[in-house]
Amino acid sequence: MSDATSVTVRYWAAAKEAAGLAEEQVSATTLADALTHARARHADQPRFSHVLGLSSLLIDGDPVGSRDPATIRLGDGARIEVLPPYAGG
């Protein structure tokens, strides 16, 4: 029995460029599940996994920080923001 929910993954800046789209829907129970699905969907984009690994993540506006993605459960309709590192002045 699966309790996966529909969540939105929104990509910003270099993550958006690497994914080739601004956002997508995935079905996942945890943040780790969502990231695994995203990596699989974009396996043909060589930069995607690298950029994703460098990015900060927010769930419904709250920073994930150093928490283990496998321990972060997602509610139905959750919004994951993928924010790559920014440079500049």
N, C-alpha and C. Protein backbone atom coordinates (compact mmCIF):
# COMPACT_ATOMS: atom_id res chain seq x y z
N MET A 1 0.84 -1.18 0.00
CA MET A 1 0.00 0.00 0.00
C MET A 1 0.89 1.24 0.00
N SER A 2 0.60 2.18 -0.89
CA SER A 2 1.41 3.38 -1.02
C SER A 2 0.63 4.58 -0.49
N ASP A 3 1.32 5.45 0.20
CA ASP A 3 0.68 6.68 0.65
C ASP A 3 1.31 7.88 -0.04
N ALA A 4 1.82 7.66 -1.26
CA ALA A 4 2.45 8.72 -2.04
C ALA A 4 1.43 9.82 -2.33
N THR A 5 1.91 11.04 -2.32
CA THR A 5 1.07 12.20 -2.60
C THR A 5 1.63 12.95 -3.79
N SER A 6 0.81 13.79 -4.37
CA SER A 6 1.24 14.61 -5.49
C SER A 6 1.88 15.88 -4.96
N VAL A 7 3.11 16.13 -5.38
CA VAL A 7 3.83 17.33 -4.95
C VAL A 7 4.37 18.06 -6.18
N THR A 8 4.59 19.34 -6.04
CA THR A 8 5.15 20.16 -7.11
C THR A 8 6.61 20.43 -6.81
N VAL A 9 7.46 20.20 -7.80
CA VAL A 9 8.87 20.55 -7.69
C VAL A 9 9.09 21.74 -8.61
N ARG A 10 9.53 22.84 -8.04
CA ARG A 10 9.75 24.06 -8.81
C ARG A 10 11.25 24.35 -8.86
N TYR A 11 11.74 24.57 -10.07
CA TYR A 11 13.17 24.79 -10.30
C TYR A 11 13.44 26.26 -10.59
N TRP A 12 14.53 26.77 -10.03
CA TRP A 12 14.92 28.16 -10.23
C TRP A 12 16.30 28.24 -10.88
N ALA A 13 16.52 29.29 -11.67
CA ALA A 13 17.82 29.64 -12.25
C ALA A 13 18.49 28.45 -12.94
N ALA A 14 19.70 28.08 -12.51
CA ALA A 14 20.45 27.00 -13.17
C ALA A 14 19.74 25.66 -13.07
N ALA A 15 18.96 25.45 -12.01
CA ALA A 15 18.19 24.20 -11.89
C ALA A 15 17.10 24.15 -12.95
N LYS A 16 16.46 25.28 -13.20
CA LYS A 16 15.44 25.36 -14.25
C LYS A 16 16.06 25.10 -15.61
N GLU A 17 17.22 25.68 -15.85
CA GLU A 17 17.92 25.46 -17.12
C GLU A 17 18.32 23.99 -17.28
N ALA A 18 18.84 23.39 -16.23
CA ALA A 18 19.27 21.99 -16.30
C ALA A 18 18.09 21.04 -16.48
N ALA A 19 16.96 21.35 -15.86
CA ALA A 19 15.77 20.49 -15.97
C ALA A 19 15.05 20.70 -17.29
N GLY A 20 15.20 21.89 -17.86
CA GLY A 20 14.50 22.20 -19.09
C GLY A 20 13.04 22.59 -18.88
N LEU A 21 12.67 22.85 -17.63
CA LEU A 21 11.31 23.28 -17.31
C LEU A 21 11.30 23.97 -15.96
N ALA A 22 10.24 24.72 -15.70
CA ALA A 22 10.16 25.49 -14.47
C ALA A 22 9.62 24.69 -13.30
N GLU A 23 8.69 23.77 -13.58
CA GLU A 23 8.14 22.95 -12.50
C GLU A 23 7.53 21.68 -13.05
N GLU A 24 7.34 20.72 -12.15
CA GLU A 24 6.72 19.46 -12.53
C GLU A 24 6.07 18.84 -11.31
N GLN A 25 5.17 17.92 -11.56
CA GLN A 25 4.49 17.17 -10.51
C GLN A 25 5.16 15.81 -10.36
N VAL A 26 5.37 15.39 -9.13
CA VAL A 26 5.87 14.04 -8.86
C VAL A 26 5.01 13.43 -7.76
N SER A 27 5.02 12.12 -7.70
CA SER A 27 4.31 11.40 -6.66
C SER A 27 5.36 10.85 -5.70
N ALA A 28 5.27 11.23 -4.43
CA ALA A 28 6.30 10.85 -3.46
C ALA A 28 5.75 10.91 -2.04
N THR A 29 6.37 10.14 -1.16
CA THR A 29 6.01 10.19 0.26
C THR A 29 7.02 10.99 1.07
N THR A 30 8.28 11.01 0.61
CA THR A 30 9.33 11.74 1.30
C THR A 30 10.07 12.63 0.31
N LEU A 31 10.85 13.55 0.84
CA LEU A 31 11.68 14.39 -0.01
C LEU A 31 12.66 13.53 -0.80
N ALA A 32 13.22 12.50 -0.17
CA ALA A 32 14.15 11.61 -0.88
C ALA A 32 13.47 10.96 -2.08
N ASP A 33 12.23 10.51 -1.92
CA ASP A 33 11.48 9.93 -3.04
C ASP A 33 11.32 10.94 -4.17
N ALA A 34 10.95 12.16 -3.82
CA ALA A 34 10.74 13.20 -4.83
C ALA A 34 12.02 13.49 -5.60
N LEU A 35 13.15 13.57 -4.89
CA LEU A 35 14.43 13.83 -5.55
C LEU A 35 14.84 12.67 -6.44
N THR A 36 14.57 11.45 -6.01
CA THR A 36 14.88 10.27 -6.82
C THR A 36 14.06 10.30 -8.11
N HIS A 37 12.78 10.61 -8.01
CA HIS A 37 11.92 10.70 -9.20
C HIS A 37 12.42 11.79 -10.14
N ALA A 38 12.78 12.94 -9.59
CA ALA A 38 13.26 14.05 -10.41
C ALA A 38 14.55 13.66 -11.13
N ARG A 39 15.49 13.04 -10.42
CA ARG A 39 16.74 12.62 -11.06
C ARG A 39 16.47 11.62 -12.18
N ALA A 40 15.56 10.68 -11.96
CA ALA A 40 15.24 9.68 -12.98
C ALA A 40 14.61 10.34 -14.21
N ARG A 41 13.72 11.29 -14.00
CA ARG A 41 13.06 11.97 -15.12
C ARG A 41 14.04 12.77 -15.96
N HIS A 42 15.10 13.26 -15.34
CA HIS A 42 16.06 14.12 -16.04
C HIS A 42 17.42 13.45 -16.21
N ALA A 43 17.43 12.14 -16.23
CA ALA A 43 18.68 11.39 -16.38
C ALA A 43 19.39 11.72 -17.70
N ASP A 44 18.64 12.18 -18.69
CA ASP A 44 19.23 12.54 -19.98
C ASP A 44 19.84 13.94 -19.98
N GLN A 45 19.70 14.67 -18.87
CA GLN A 45 20.27 16.01 -18.73
C GLN A 45 21.52 15.90 -17.85
N PRO A 46 22.71 15.94 -18.45
CA PRO A 46 23.93 15.67 -17.69
C PRO A 46 24.17 16.60 -16.49
N ARG A 47 23.75 17.83 -16.55
CA ARG A 47 24.00 18.78 -15.45
C ARG A 47 22.98 18.69 -14.33
N PHE A 48 21.83 18.09 -14.60
CA PHE A 48 20.73 18.15 -13.65
C PHE A 48 21.09 17.62 -12.27
N SER A 49 21.59 16.40 -12.20
CA SER A 49 21.90 15.79 -10.91
C SER A 49 22.95 16.60 -10.15
N HIS A 50 23.94 17.12 -10.87
CA HIS A 50 24.98 17.94 -10.25
C HIS A 50 24.38 19.20 -9.63
N VAL A 51 23.58 19.92 -10.42
CA VAL A 51 22.97 21.16 -9.92
C VAL A 51 22.03 20.86 -8.75
N LEU A 52 21.26 19.78 -8.85
CA LEU A 52 20.36 19.41 -7.77
C LEU A 52 21.13 19.16 -6.48
N GLY A 53 22.27 18.51 -6.58
CA GLY A 53 23.09 18.21 -5.41
C GLY A 53 23.67 19.44 -4.73
N LEU A 54 23.84 20.52 -5.48
CA LEU A 54 24.38 21.76 -4.93
C LEU A 54 23.31 22.71 -4.40
N SER A 55 22.08 22.42 -4.73
CA SER A 55 20.98 23.35 -4.46
C SER A 55 20.47 23.30 -3.03
N SER A 56 19.97 24.43 -2.58
CA SER A 56 19.21 24.50 -1.33
C SER A 56 17.77 24.14 -1.65
N LEU A 57 17.10 23.53 -0.69
CA LEU A 57 15.72 23.10 -0.90
C LEU A 57 14.81 23.72 0.14
N LEU A 58 13.63 24.11 -0.31
CA LEU A 58 12.58 24.59 0.58
C LEU A 58 11.36 23.70 0.38
N ILE A 59 10.64 23.42 1.44
CA ILE A 59 9.36 22.73 1.34
C ILE A 59 8.31 23.66 1.93
N ASP A 60 7.40 24.07 1.07
CA ASP A 60 6.36 25.02 1.49
C ASP A 60 6.96 26.23 2.18
N GLY A 61 8.10 26.69 1.66
CA GLY A 61 8.76 27.88 2.17
C GLY A 61 9.72 27.67 3.32
N ASP A 62 9.78 26.46 3.86
CA ASP A 62 10.67 26.18 4.98
C ASP A 62 11.96 25.51 4.49
N PRO A 63 13.13 26.03 4.90
CA PRO A 63 14.40 25.43 4.47
C PRO A 63 14.57 24.01 5.00
N VAL A 64 15.10 23.15 4.14
CA VAL A 64 15.40 21.77 4.53
C VAL A 64 16.69 21.73 5.33
N GLY A 65 17.66 22.54 4.94
CA GLY A 65 18.94 22.58 5.64
C GLY A 65 19.65 21.24 5.56
N SER A 66 20.20 20.80 6.67
CA SER A 66 21.00 19.57 6.69
C SER A 66 20.19 18.33 7.07
N ARG A 67 18.87 18.46 7.17
CA ARG A 67 18.04 17.30 7.52
C ARG A 67 18.12 16.23 6.43
N ASP A 68 18.01 14.99 6.82
CA ASP A 68 18.04 13.85 5.90
C ASP A 68 16.75 13.84 5.08
N PRO A 69 16.84 13.94 3.74
CA PRO A 69 15.63 13.94 2.91
C PRO A 69 14.74 12.72 3.10
N ALA A 70 15.32 11.60 3.52
CA ALA A 70 14.53 10.38 3.72
C ALA A 70 13.61 10.50 4.94
N THR A 71 13.91 11.43 5.83
CA THR A 71 13.09 11.59 7.05
C THR A 71 12.03 12.68 6.91
N ILE A 72 12.01 13.35 5.77
CA ILE A 72 11.09 14.47 5.58
C ILE A 72 9.88 14.00 4.79
N ARG A 73 8.76 13.84 5.48
CA ARG A 73 7.52 13.40 4.83
C ARG A 73 6.84 14.58 4.15
N LEU A 74 6.25 14.31 3.00
CA LEU A 74 5.59 15.35 2.22
C LEU A 74 4.08 15.20 2.30
N GLY A 75 3.40 16.30 2.50
CA GLY A 75 1.95 16.29 2.48
C GLY A 75 1.43 16.48 1.07
N ASP A 76 0.20 16.08 0.83
CA ASP A 76 -0.40 16.24 -0.49
C ASP A 76 -0.41 17.72 -0.86
N GLY A 77 0.07 18.01 -2.06
CA GLY A 77 0.12 19.38 -2.53
C GLY A 77 1.35 20.15 -2.08
N ALA A 78 2.29 19.48 -1.43
CA ALA A 78 3.51 20.16 -0.98
C ALA A 78 4.24 20.77 -2.18
N ARG A 79 4.98 21.82 -1.91
CA ARG A 79 5.74 22.51 -2.95
C ARG A 79 7.22 22.49 -2.56
N ILE A 80 8.02 21.87 -3.40
CA ILE A 80 9.47 21.81 -3.19
C ILE A 80 10.12 22.84 -4.12
N GLU A 81 10.90 23.73 -3.55
CA GLU A 81 11.62 24.74 -4.33
C GLU A 81 13.09 24.33 -4.39
N VAL A 82 13.65 24.30 -5.59
CA VAL A 82 15.05 23.93 -5.80
C VAL A 82 15.80 25.21 -6.16
N LEU A 83 16.66 25.66 -5.23
CA LEU A 83 17.37 26.94 -5.38
C LEU A 83 18.87 26.68 -5.51
N PRO A 84 19.41 26.78 -6.72
CA PRO A 84 20.85 26.58 -6.88
C PRO A 84 21.62 27.73 -6.25
N PRO A 85 22.92 27.51 -6.00
CA PRO A 85 23.73 28.59 -5.44
C PRO A 85 23.76 29.78 -6.40
N TYR A 86 23.74 30.96 -5.84
CA TYR A 86 23.79 32.18 -6.64
C TYR A 86 25.15 32.83 -6.46
N ALA A 87 25.61 33.50 -7.51
CA ALA A 87 26.87 34.24 -7.45
C ALA A 87 26.59 35.65 -7.91
N GLY A 88 27.44 36.54 -7.52
CA GLY A 88 27.27 37.91 -7.97
C GLY A 88 27.36 38.88 -6.81
N GLY A 89 27.17 40.13 -7.13
CA GLY A 89 27.30 41.13 -6.10
C GLY A 89 26.10 41.95 -5.90
